[in-house]
């Protein structure tokens, strides 16, 4: 009997699935194990907690695992990848496949076939696969450089928009909400807090933006709309890269688009704006309903033994 372990290691949570060749035997969600987002001690605690629970659910010796596939943001960052390799090999047997989180989500949607996947959660990324199997990406350069449409980007942009509103004498309820959330008492204290090093977790402001937008706050609504447009722009780059690889010019069918991540699942204004903007660029585009479960792609890769598509 062969056993397979799949992980989707995000910025705030990690999903684990243990399976054999045909059936899922156990599933656990724990905190992040991504070292760019937490300390080594917390990551190790979250990993051990999840593995212990999987062992209880499936009654499988994890040293008997045939293959592991981990999808994570930051798969090119040694701090992330070195820790994952070392920590998993200390507890689990088998070959390790380590790829980007957007790649496993792409596999969950299309299982090795042609298509484009837009991911927006704490971070964001976009990937596409051509009919010839080549993978192309855009975005996903991390919070300081990109992460368009992500929770981090929405929170950070919301702060920028709040201060632009102050300069323009525009009213916004976001300012009071942010001051309350961070237990601050003035604009000057917010300036100091937002500019501190290390930076605060801007992604936690996203829920405030959504709340204010739902109550008619124009600054908050504009922030979410911009996030949707930014995601559409990045997705359009990937679509064009796929079409260029295939060399079919203007006659080529636009690849189908799937989405995943907490922002595109739960923040409707962002998704609607992204879809509207994409349809403006590519009127014939097909965007799949719902969101895909990325860990299904990690499990597919683990079973297939595919390091790359």
Protein backbone atom coordinates (compact mmCIF):
# COMPACT_ATOMS: atom_id res chain seq x y z
CA UNK A 1 0.00 0.00 0.00
CA UNK A 2 1.33 3.42 -0.98
CA UNK A 3 0.55 6.50 1.09
CA UNK A 4 0.74 10.14 0.06
CA UNK A 5 0.87 13.37 2.03
CA UNK A 6 -0.28 16.70 0.55
CA UNK A 7 0.23 20.13 2.11
CA UNK A 8 -1.05 23.57 1.15
CA UNK A 9 1.14 25.88 3.23
CA UNK A 10 -0.35 29.36 3.18
CA UNK A 11 0.49 32.55 4.99
CA UNK A 12 -2.04 32.07 7.79
CA UNK A 13 -2.97 28.37 7.67
CA UNK A 14 -1.75 25.00 6.46
CA UNK A 15 -3.98 22.23 5.13
CA UNK A 16 -2.81 18.61 5.30
CA UNK A 17 -4.30 15.57 3.54
CA UNK A 18 -3.13 11.97 3.97
CA UNK A 19 -4.33 9.52 1.34
CA UNK A 20 -3.66 6.19 -0.34
CA UNK A 21 -3.90 5.56 -4.09
CA UNK A 22 -7.66 6.14 -4.20
CA UNK A 23 -9.01 7.42 -0.88
CA UNK A 24 -8.48 10.33 1.48
CA UNK A 25 -7.60 8.93 4.90
CA UNK A 26 -7.22 12.08 6.98
CA UNK A 27 -7.44 15.86 6.74
CA UNK A 28 -6.19 18.51 9.19
CA UNK A 29 -5.91 22.30 9.20
CA UNK A 30 -3.44 24.09 11.44
CA UNK A 31 -1.60 27.40 11.61
CA UNK A 32 1.04 28.40 9.09
CA UNK A 33 4.36 26.59 8.76
CA UNK A 34 5.70 29.23 6.40
CA UNK A 35 8.85 30.66 7.97
CA UNK A 36 8.37 34.09 6.38
CA UNK A 37 5.15 34.37 8.40
CA UNK A 38 6.03 32.81 11.76
CA UNK A 39 8.88 31.66 13.99
CA UNK A 40 10.57 28.27 13.74
CA UNK A 41 9.10 27.22 17.10
CA UNK A 42 5.53 28.03 16.10
CA UNK A 43 5.97 26.42 12.67
CA UNK A 44 7.35 23.26 14.28
CA UNK A 45 4.48 23.18 16.78
CA UNK A 46 1.89 23.55 14.00
CA UNK A 47 3.57 20.83 11.95
CA UNK A 48 3.80 18.35 14.80
CA UNK A 49 0.21 19.02 15.84
CA UNK A 50 -1.07 18.31 12.34
CA UNK A 51 1.05 15.19 11.83
CA UNK A 52 -0.03 13.82 15.20
CA UNK A 53 -3.69 14.32 14.35
CA UNK A 54 -3.26 12.70 10.92
CA UNK A 55 -1.65 9.68 12.54
CA UNK A 56 -4.65 9.33 14.86
CA UNK A 57 -7.17 9.72 12.04
CA UNK A 58 -5.56 7.30 9.60
CA UNK A 59 -3.54 4.93 11.83
CA UNK A 60 -0.66 5.21 9.36
CA UNK A 61 3.04 5.30 10.22
CA UNK A 62 4.22 8.50 8.57
CA UNK A 63 7.61 6.92 7.91
CA UNK A 64 5.76 4.73 5.39
CA UNK A 65 4.73 7.73 3.24
CA UNK A 66 5.70 7.18 -0.40
CA UNK A 67 5.68 10.78 -1.52
CA UNK A 68 4.92 14.26 -0.14
CA UNK A 69 3.87 17.29 -2.16
CA UNK A 70 3.99 20.72 -0.55
CA UNK A 71 2.62 23.79 -2.26
CA UNK A 72 3.70 27.06 -0.67
CA UNK A 73 4.18 30.71 -1.47
CA UNK A 74 7.85 31.64 -1.31
CA UNK A 75 9.00 28.34 -2.84
CA UNK A 76 12.12 30.09 -4.14
CA UNK A 77 13.06 31.55 -0.72
CA UNK A 78 15.64 29.41 1.14
CA UNK A 79 14.24 30.37 4.56
CA UNK A 80 10.93 28.78 3.55
CA UNK A 81 12.11 25.79 1.54
CA UNK A 82 15.07 24.74 3.69
CA UNK A 83 12.93 24.72 6.82
CA UNK A 84 10.14 22.71 5.16
CA UNK A 85 12.57 20.10 3.82
CA UNK A 86 14.37 19.69 7.12
CA UNK A 87 11.25 19.66 9.28
CA UNK A 88 9.30 17.20 7.13
CA UNK A 89 12.19 14.78 6.71
CA UNK A 90 12.56 14.73 10.49
CA UNK A 91 9.03 13.34 10.86
CA UNK A 92 7.89 11.85 7.55
CA UNK A 93 9.33 9.37 5.07
CA UNK A 94 9.20 9.51 1.29
CA UNK A 95 10.21 11.71 -1.62
CA UNK A 96 9.43 15.43 -1.30
CA UNK A 97 7.99 17.52 -4.13
CA UNK A 98 8.07 21.24 -3.31
CA UNK A 99 6.26 23.66 -5.65
CA UNK A 100 4.45 26.97 -5.54
CA UNK A 101 1.01 27.30 -4.01
CA UNK A 102 -0.35 28.68 -7.27
CA UNK A 103 0.90 25.58 -9.12
CA UNK A 104 -0.99 23.15 -6.91
CA UNK A 105 -4.09 25.31 -7.26
CA UNK A 106 -3.62 25.25 -11.06
CA UNK A 107 -3.45 21.45 -10.86
CA UNK A 108 -6.55 21.32 -8.66
CA UNK A 109 -8.49 23.20 -11.33
CA UNK A 110 -7.11 21.60 -14.50
CA UNK A 111 -5.11 18.47 -13.48
CA UNK A 112 -2.24 19.08 -15.85
CA UNK A 113 -4.34 20.58 -18.64
CA UNK A 114 -4.43 24.06 -20.17
CA UNK A 115 -5.79 26.91 -18.05
CA UNK A 116 -5.09 29.91 -15.83
CA UNK A 117 -5.38 30.12 -12.06
CA UNK A 118 -5.68 33.34 -10.04
CA UNK A 119 -4.89 33.04 -6.34
CA UNK A 120 -5.63 35.81 -3.87
CA UNK A 121 -5.47 35.23 -0.13
CA UNK A 122 -3.00 36.71 2.33
CA UNK A 123 -0.72 36.94 -0.72
CA UNK A 124 -1.49 36.58 -4.41
CA UNK A 125 -0.11 34.88 -7.49
CA UNK A 126 -1.23 33.87 -10.98
CA UNK A 127 -0.12 30.96 -13.15
CA UNK A 128 -1.11 29.46 -16.46
CA UNK A 129 -0.35 26.30 -18.39
CA UNK A 130 -0.19 26.18 -22.17
CA UNK A 131 -1.47 23.35 -24.33
CA UNK A 132 2.15 22.22 -24.59
CA UNK A 133 2.49 21.94 -20.80
CA UNK A 134 4.67 25.00 -20.16
CA UNK A 135 3.85 26.95 -16.99
CA UNK A 136 4.02 30.75 -16.96
CA UNK A 137 3.41 33.09 -14.05
CA UNK A 138 2.94 36.75 -13.18
CA UNK A 139 2.84 38.50 -9.82
CA UNK A 140 3.64 36.61 -6.66
CA UNK A 141 6.78 38.64 -5.92
CA UNK A 142 5.92 39.02 -2.24
CA UNK A 143 4.27 41.81 -0.24
CA UNK A 144 7.02 44.39 -0.75
CA UNK A 145 7.07 44.01 -4.53
CA UNK A 146 3.70 42.78 -5.77
CA UNK A 147 0.91 40.62 -4.24
CA UNK A 148 -1.71 42.57 -6.19
CA UNK A 149 -5.24 42.05 -4.91
CA UNK A 150 -4.10 40.13 -1.84
CA UNK A 151 -5.18 40.67 1.76
CA UNK A 152 -1.85 42.34 2.42
CA UNK A 153 -2.23 44.62 -0.58
CA UNK A 154 -5.83 45.54 0.27
CA UNK A 155 -4.91 46.45 3.84
CA UNK A 156 -1.86 48.44 2.80
CA UNK A 157 -3.69 50.24 -0.02
CA UNK A 158 -6.57 51.02 2.33
CA UNK A 159 -4.17 52.88 4.60
CA UNK A 160 -2.77 54.81 1.65
CA UNK A 161 -6.28 55.68 0.52
CA UNK A 162 -7.26 56.82 4.03
CA UNK A 163 -4.39 59.28 4.08
CA UNK A 164 -5.17 60.45 0.56
CA UNK A 165 -8.73 61.06 1.77
CA UNK A 166 -7.35 63.13 4.65
CA UNK A 167 -5.36 65.22 2.19
CA UNK A 168 -8.46 65.70 0.02
CA UNK A 169 -10.81 66.44 2.96
CA UNK A 170 -12.90 63.36 2.12
CA UNK A 171 -14.80 61.55 4.84
CA UNK A 172 -14.12 57.86 5.48
CA UNK A 173 -15.14 55.62 8.35
CA UNK A 174 -12.04 53.51 7.75
CA UNK A 175 -9.82 55.83 9.76
CA UNK A 176 -11.74 55.39 13.00
CA UNK A 177 -12.05 51.64 12.42
CA UNK A 178 -8.30 51.24 11.91
CA UNK A 179 -7.45 53.36 14.96
CA UNK A 180 -9.78 51.24 17.07
CA UNK A 181 -8.49 47.95 15.65
CA UNK A 182 -4.87 48.80 16.40
CA UNK A 183 -5.73 50.50 19.74
CA UNK A 184 -4.31 53.83 18.60
CA UNK A 185 -5.53 57.27 19.67
CA UNK A 186 -4.51 59.65 16.91
CA UNK A 187 -3.52 60.04 13.28
CA UNK A 188 0.07 60.72 14.32
CA UNK A 189 0.21 57.46 16.28
CA UNK A 190 -1.15 55.64 13.21
CA UNK A 191 1.58 57.17 11.05
CA UNK A 192 4.20 55.94 13.50
CA UNK A 193 2.64 52.48 13.82
CA UNK A 194 2.19 51.93 10.08
CA UNK A 195 5.79 52.92 9.35
CA UNK A 196 7.42 50.86 12.05
CA UNK A 197 9.90 48.06 11.35
CA UNK A 198 9.06 45.26 11.15
CA UNK A 199 5.82 46.30 9.49
CA UNK A 200 2.45 45.49 11.05
CA UNK A 201 0.32 42.80 9.41
CA UNK A 202 -1.63 44.90 6.92
CA UNK A 203 -3.66 41.89 5.77
CA UNK A 204 -5.63 42.01 9.03
CA UNK A 205 -7.17 45.30 7.94
CA UNK A 206 -8.98 43.63 5.04
CA UNK A 207 -12.01 42.72 7.13
CA UNK A 208 -12.37 46.38 8.15
CA UNK A 209 -12.26 47.45 4.50
CA UNK A 210 -14.95 44.92 3.60
CA UNK A 211 -17.12 46.02 6.53
CA UNK A 212 -16.85 49.72 5.69
CA UNK A 213 -17.44 49.11 1.98
CA UNK A 214 -20.62 47.15 2.77
CA UNK A 215 -21.87 50.21 4.67
CA UNK A 216 -21.31 52.54 1.74
CA UNK A 217 -17.86 53.94 2.50
CA UNK A 218 -16.54 55.15 -0.86
CA UNK A 219 -12.85 54.95 0.08
CA UNK A 220 -13.22 51.33 1.19
CA UNK A 221 -15.24 50.42 -1.91
CA UNK A 222 -12.63 51.99 -4.18
CA UNK A 223 -9.91 49.97 -2.44
CA UNK A 224 -11.70 46.69 -3.16
CA UNK A 225 -12.46 47.66 -6.75
CA UNK A 226 -8.82 48.50 -7.34
CA UNK A 227 -7.81 45.10 -5.95
CA UNK A 228 -10.11 43.42 -8.48
CA UNK A 229 -8.72 45.44 -11.36
CA UNK A 230 -5.16 44.69 -10.28
CA UNK A 231 -5.88 40.95 -10.24
CA UNK A 232 -7.42 41.17 -13.70
CA UNK A 233 -4.34 42.97 -15.00
CA UNK A 234 -2.00 40.28 -13.69
CA UNK A 235 -4.29 37.52 -15.01
CA UNK A 236 -4.30 39.17 -18.43
CA UNK A 237 -0.48 39.07 -18.48
CA UNK A 238 -0.59 35.30 -17.89
CA UNK A 239 -3.29 34.76 -20.51
CA UNK A 240 -1.21 36.60 -23.09
CA UNK A 241 1.88 34.60 -22.14
CA UNK A 242 -0.03 31.35 -22.67
CA UNK A 243 -1.31 32.51 -26.06
CA UNK A 244 2.17 33.63 -27.07
CA UNK A 245 3.64 30.23 -26.17
CA UNK A 246 1.01 28.53 -28.30
CA UNK A 247 1.63 30.84 -31.24
CA UNK A 248 -1.95 30.82 -32.46
CA UNK A 249 -2.32 34.58 -32.69
CA UNK A 250 -5.72 36.22 -32.57
CA UNK A 251 -7.55 32.99 -33.45
CA UNK A 252 -6.56 31.13 -30.27
CA UNK A 253 -9.19 30.29 -27.69
CA UNK A 254 -8.59 32.19 -24.47
CA UNK A 255 -7.75 29.70 -21.70
CA UNK A 256 -10.33 29.11 -19.01
CA UNK A 257 -9.70 30.88 -15.69
CA UNK A 258 -10.18 29.40 -12.22
CA UNK A 259 -9.74 31.15 -8.88
CA UNK A 260 -8.82 30.29 -5.33
CA UNK A 261 -7.91 31.95 -2.04
CA UNK A 262 -9.82 33.62 0.77
CA UNK A 263 -10.13 37.00 -0.96
CA UNK A 264 -11.66 35.61 -4.15
CA UNK A 265 -13.82 33.23 -2.14
CA UNK A 266 -15.13 35.65 0.48
CA UNK A 267 -14.76 39.23 -0.79
CA UNK A 268 -17.38 39.49 -3.52
CA UNK A 269 -16.58 43.05 -4.71
CA UNK A 270 -13.00 42.02 -5.51
CA UNK A 271 -14.07 38.96 -7.48
CA UNK A 272 -16.84 40.77 -9.36
CA UNK A 273 -14.50 43.61 -10.35
CA UNK A 274 -11.82 41.14 -11.45
CA UNK A 275 -14.30 39.20 -13.59
CA UNK A 276 -15.77 42.36 -15.10
CA UNK A 277 -12.33 43.71 -15.96
CA UNK A 278 -11.21 40.42 -17.50
CA UNK A 279 -14.35 40.24 -19.65
CA UNK A 280 -13.68 43.77 -20.83
CA UNK A 281 -10.22 42.66 -22.02
CA UNK A 282 -11.27 39.20 -23.28
CA UNK A 283 -15.05 39.25 -24.01
CA UNK A 284 -15.14 35.52 -24.79
CA UNK A 285 -13.37 34.41 -21.60
CA UNK A 286 -14.82 31.62 -19.44
CA UNK A 287 -14.30 31.97 -15.68
CA UNK A 288 -15.10 28.83 -13.74
CA UNK A 289 -17.63 29.20 -10.89
CA UNK A 290 -16.68 28.75 -7.26
CA UNK A 291 -13.15 28.33 -5.97
CA UNK A 292 -10.81 25.37 -6.31
CA UNK A 293 -9.30 23.49 -3.35
CA UNK A 294 -5.52 23.74 -3.87
CA UNK A 295 -4.68 20.71 -1.78
CA UNK A 296 -6.42 18.53 -4.37
CA UNK A 297 -3.67 19.59 -6.77
CA UNK A 298 -0.96 18.78 -4.23
CA UNK A 299 -2.45 15.34 -3.74
CA UNK A 300 -2.65 14.81 -7.50
CA UNK A 301 1.05 15.66 -7.82
CA UNK A 302 2.00 13.46 -4.88
CA UNK A 303 0.20 10.47 -6.39
CA UNK A 304 1.54 11.13 -9.88
CA UNK A 305 5.09 11.90 -8.74
CA UNK A 306 5.17 15.07 -10.84
CA UNK A 307 7.76 17.68 -9.89
CA UNK A 308 6.58 19.91 -12.68
CA UNK A 309 3.91 19.89 -15.31
